[in-house]
Each structure stands twice: as structure tokens, then as C-alpha cells.
N, C-alpha and C. Protein backbone atom coordinates (compact mmCIF):
# COMPACT_ATOMS: atom_id res chain seq x y z
N GLY A 1 0.45 -97.11 -103.54
CA GLY A 1 1.69 -97.29 -104.25
C GLY A 1 1.49 -97.43 -105.75
N ASP A 2 0.35 -97.99 -106.16
CA ASP A 2 0.11 -98.19 -107.59
C ASP A 2 -0.71 -97.07 -108.22
N MET A 3 -0.93 -96.02 -107.47
CA MET A 3 -1.70 -94.88 -108.00
C MET A 3 -0.85 -94.12 -109.00
N GLN A 4 -1.51 -93.62 -110.02
CA GLN A 4 -0.84 -92.77 -111.01
C GLN A 4 -1.60 -91.45 -111.09
N ILE A 5 -0.84 -90.36 -110.98
CA ILE A 5 -1.42 -89.02 -111.06
C ILE A 5 -0.70 -88.27 -112.16
N THR A 6 -1.45 -87.75 -113.11
CA THR A 6 -0.85 -87.00 -114.20
C THR A 6 -1.62 -85.70 -114.42
N VAL A 7 -0.89 -84.68 -114.86
CA VAL A 7 -1.50 -83.42 -115.24
C VAL A 7 -1.27 -83.28 -116.74
N ASN A 8 -2.34 -83.02 -117.47
CA ASN A 8 -2.26 -82.88 -118.92
C ASN A 8 -2.67 -81.47 -119.32
N TYR A 9 -1.83 -80.83 -120.10
CA TYR A 9 -2.17 -79.50 -120.60
C TYR A 9 -1.47 -79.29 -121.93
N ASP A 10 -2.03 -78.40 -122.74
CA ASP A 10 -1.41 -78.00 -123.99
C ASP A 10 -0.59 -76.76 -123.68
N GLY A 11 0.70 -76.94 -123.49
CA GLY A 11 1.53 -75.84 -123.05
C GLY A 11 2.54 -75.44 -124.09
N PRO A 12 3.21 -74.37 -123.89
CA PRO A 12 3.05 -73.47 -122.75
C PRO A 12 1.73 -72.70 -122.84
N LEU A 13 1.30 -72.26 -121.69
CA LEU A 13 0.03 -71.53 -121.58
C LEU A 13 0.31 -70.04 -121.73
N PRO A 14 -0.14 -69.43 -122.82
CA PRO A 14 0.17 -68.02 -123.04
C PRO A 14 -0.71 -67.09 -122.21
N ALA A 15 -0.11 -66.02 -121.71
CA ALA A 15 -0.86 -64.99 -120.99
C ALA A 15 -1.46 -64.06 -122.04
N PRO A 16 -2.53 -63.38 -121.77
CA PRO A 16 -3.24 -63.31 -120.50
C PRO A 16 -4.14 -64.52 -120.29
N VAL A 17 -4.36 -64.85 -119.02
CA VAL A 17 -5.27 -65.93 -118.64
C VAL A 17 -6.29 -65.34 -117.67
N ILE A 18 -7.54 -65.60 -117.92
CA ILE A 18 -8.61 -65.09 -117.06
C ILE A 18 -8.88 -66.12 -115.97
N GLY A 19 -8.96 -65.67 -114.73
CA GLY A 19 -9.24 -66.56 -113.61
C GLY A 19 -10.48 -67.39 -113.87
N GLY A 20 -10.42 -68.67 -113.56
CA GLY A 20 -11.53 -69.57 -113.80
C GLY A 20 -11.46 -70.31 -115.12
N THR A 21 -10.53 -69.91 -115.99
CA THR A 21 -10.37 -70.58 -117.27
C THR A 21 -9.79 -71.97 -117.06
N ARG A 22 -10.35 -72.96 -117.73
CA ARG A 22 -9.81 -74.32 -117.65
C ARG A 22 -8.46 -74.35 -118.36
N VAL A 23 -7.42 -74.78 -117.65
CA VAL A 23 -6.07 -74.76 -118.21
C VAL A 23 -5.44 -76.15 -118.32
N ALA A 24 -6.01 -77.15 -117.62
CA ALA A 24 -5.43 -78.48 -117.65
C ALA A 24 -6.42 -79.48 -117.06
N THR A 25 -6.04 -80.75 -117.09
CA THR A 25 -6.82 -81.78 -116.40
C THR A 25 -5.89 -82.61 -115.54
N LEU A 26 -6.41 -83.03 -114.40
CA LEU A 26 -5.70 -83.91 -113.48
C LEU A 26 -6.34 -85.28 -113.60
N THR A 27 -5.54 -86.31 -113.86
CA THR A 27 -6.05 -87.67 -113.96
C THR A 27 -5.47 -88.49 -112.83
N VAL A 28 -6.35 -89.13 -112.06
CA VAL A 28 -5.95 -90.01 -110.97
C VAL A 28 -6.43 -91.40 -111.33
N ALA A 29 -5.50 -92.35 -111.39
CA ALA A 29 -5.85 -93.72 -111.78
C ALA A 29 -5.20 -94.70 -110.82
N GLY A 30 -5.89 -95.79 -110.61
CA GLY A 30 -5.38 -96.86 -109.76
C GLY A 30 -5.84 -98.20 -110.31
N PRO A 31 -5.26 -99.28 -109.81
CA PRO A 31 -5.57 -100.60 -110.37
C PRO A 31 -7.02 -101.04 -110.17
N SER A 32 -7.68 -100.62 -109.13
CA SER A 32 -9.05 -101.09 -108.88
C SER A 32 -10.07 -99.96 -108.95
N MET A 33 -9.76 -98.95 -109.75
CA MET A 33 -10.70 -97.83 -109.84
C MET A 33 -10.76 -97.31 -111.26
N GLU A 34 -11.88 -96.73 -111.57
CA GLU A 34 -12.05 -96.03 -112.84
C GLU A 34 -11.24 -94.73 -112.75
N PRO A 35 -10.51 -94.34 -113.80
CA PRO A 35 -9.74 -93.09 -113.72
C PRO A 35 -10.65 -91.89 -113.43
N ALA A 36 -10.21 -91.03 -112.52
CA ALA A 36 -10.93 -89.79 -112.22
C ALA A 36 -10.25 -88.67 -112.97
N ILE A 37 -11.01 -87.95 -113.78
CA ILE A 37 -10.48 -86.83 -114.55
C ILE A 37 -11.08 -85.56 -113.98
N ILE A 38 -10.20 -84.69 -113.49
CA ILE A 38 -10.61 -83.48 -112.79
C ILE A 38 -10.10 -82.26 -113.55
N PRO A 39 -10.98 -81.34 -113.93
CA PRO A 39 -10.51 -80.13 -114.62
C PRO A 39 -9.77 -79.21 -113.65
N LEU A 40 -8.70 -78.59 -114.14
CA LEU A 40 -7.94 -77.62 -113.35
C LEU A 40 -8.16 -76.24 -113.97
N HIS A 41 -8.44 -75.26 -113.12
CA HIS A 41 -8.74 -73.90 -113.58
C HIS A 41 -7.74 -72.92 -112.98
N ALA A 42 -7.49 -71.84 -113.71
CA ALA A 42 -6.62 -70.77 -113.21
C ALA A 42 -7.28 -70.15 -111.98
N ALA A 43 -6.51 -70.00 -110.92
CA ALA A 43 -7.04 -69.46 -109.67
C ALA A 43 -7.31 -67.96 -109.76
N SER A 44 -6.54 -67.27 -110.58
CA SER A 44 -6.71 -65.82 -110.70
C SER A 44 -6.26 -65.37 -112.08
N ASP A 45 -6.53 -64.11 -112.39
CA ASP A 45 -6.11 -63.55 -113.67
C ASP A 45 -4.59 -63.47 -113.73
N VAL A 46 -4.05 -63.72 -114.91
CA VAL A 46 -2.62 -63.56 -115.14
C VAL A 46 -2.47 -62.62 -116.33
N GLU A 47 -1.90 -61.46 -116.08
CA GLU A 47 -1.72 -60.46 -117.13
C GLU A 47 -0.51 -60.81 -117.99
N ARG A 48 -0.53 -60.35 -119.21
CA ARG A 48 0.61 -60.52 -120.10
C ARG A 48 1.66 -59.47 -119.70
N LEU A 49 2.88 -59.91 -119.51
CA LEU A 49 3.97 -58.99 -119.17
C LEU A 49 4.49 -58.30 -120.40
N GLY A 50 5.01 -57.11 -120.23
CA GLY A 50 5.66 -56.41 -121.32
C GLY A 50 7.04 -57.01 -121.57
N PHE A 51 7.76 -56.43 -122.50
CA PHE A 51 9.07 -56.96 -122.90
C PHE A 51 10.02 -57.08 -121.72
N PHE A 52 10.19 -56.01 -120.94
CA PHE A 52 11.14 -56.05 -119.83
C PHE A 52 10.62 -56.93 -118.69
N GLY A 53 9.32 -56.98 -118.50
CA GLY A 53 8.75 -57.86 -117.50
C GLY A 53 9.02 -59.32 -117.81
N ARG A 54 8.94 -59.69 -119.10
CA ARG A 54 9.23 -61.08 -119.50
C ARG A 54 10.71 -61.40 -119.29
N ILE A 55 11.59 -60.45 -119.58
CA ILE A 55 13.03 -60.67 -119.35
C ILE A 55 13.28 -60.87 -117.86
N TRP A 56 12.70 -60.01 -117.02
CA TRP A 56 12.89 -60.11 -115.57
C TRP A 56 12.35 -61.44 -115.05
N ALA A 57 11.16 -61.85 -115.49
CA ALA A 57 10.56 -63.11 -115.05
C ALA A 57 11.43 -64.30 -115.48
N SER A 58 11.99 -64.26 -116.68
CA SER A 58 12.86 -65.34 -117.15
C SER A 58 14.13 -65.40 -116.32
N ALA A 59 14.70 -64.25 -116.01
CA ALA A 59 15.92 -64.23 -115.19
C ALA A 59 15.65 -64.80 -113.80
N ARG A 60 14.54 -64.39 -113.17
CA ARG A 60 14.20 -64.93 -111.84
C ARG A 60 13.99 -66.43 -111.90
N ASN A 61 13.35 -66.91 -112.98
CA ASN A 61 13.11 -68.33 -113.13
C ASN A 61 14.43 -69.10 -113.24
N MET A 62 15.38 -68.56 -113.99
CA MET A 62 16.67 -69.23 -114.15
C MET A 62 17.46 -69.21 -112.85
N ILE A 63 17.39 -68.13 -112.10
CA ILE A 63 18.17 -68.00 -110.87
C ILE A 63 17.52 -68.73 -109.69
N PHE A 64 16.22 -68.50 -109.50
CA PHE A 64 15.54 -69.01 -108.31
C PHE A 64 14.65 -70.22 -108.56
N GLY A 65 14.40 -70.56 -109.82
CA GLY A 65 13.58 -71.72 -110.13
C GLY A 65 12.10 -71.42 -110.19
N PHE A 66 11.71 -70.16 -110.12
CA PHE A 66 10.32 -69.77 -110.27
C PHE A 66 10.27 -68.35 -110.83
N ALA A 67 9.18 -68.02 -111.49
CA ALA A 67 9.05 -66.70 -112.09
C ALA A 67 7.97 -65.88 -111.44
N ASP A 68 7.56 -66.28 -110.25
CA ASP A 68 6.42 -65.66 -109.61
C ASP A 68 6.79 -65.23 -108.20
N ASP A 69 6.36 -64.07 -107.75
CA ASP A 69 6.69 -63.58 -106.41
C ASP A 69 5.84 -64.20 -105.32
N GLN A 70 4.86 -65.03 -105.66
CA GLN A 70 3.95 -65.58 -104.66
C GLN A 70 4.54 -66.76 -103.94
């Protein structure tokens, strides 16, 4: 109940992103433990979208709450 979990990143994260690139850190802290800091890496490559691709992704994000087909 007293655990705190935070994700820290300098965002927004611009594309392209190469898979394996460190993109954030996960910090897990609790009252009787030293904070654990875990690096988070991109699972796969993310290509930069063209103009119309960015418009389409933004529209899907506004309508469905996500910009990714996965």
C-alpha cells in the first residue's frame, strides 16, 4: 500500500526511435527499501511518420485514446 512507482522520461519522445534505446526510468520505492531504479528501453524500432501519417495517428488518438494499431 505504501509503494510508490513512477516513470520518468524527458518527453515527448520524438521518432525515429531505435529498438533498445533507453527512453525512461522506472523507480520503485517503499518505506523499508532502497529505491530501485530500472531503465526502460524501446521494445522495437519506431519510424517517423510522414505528414499525413501524423495527422491520422493524432485523429486515432483523439477518437480511440491510442495512436497505435497494436
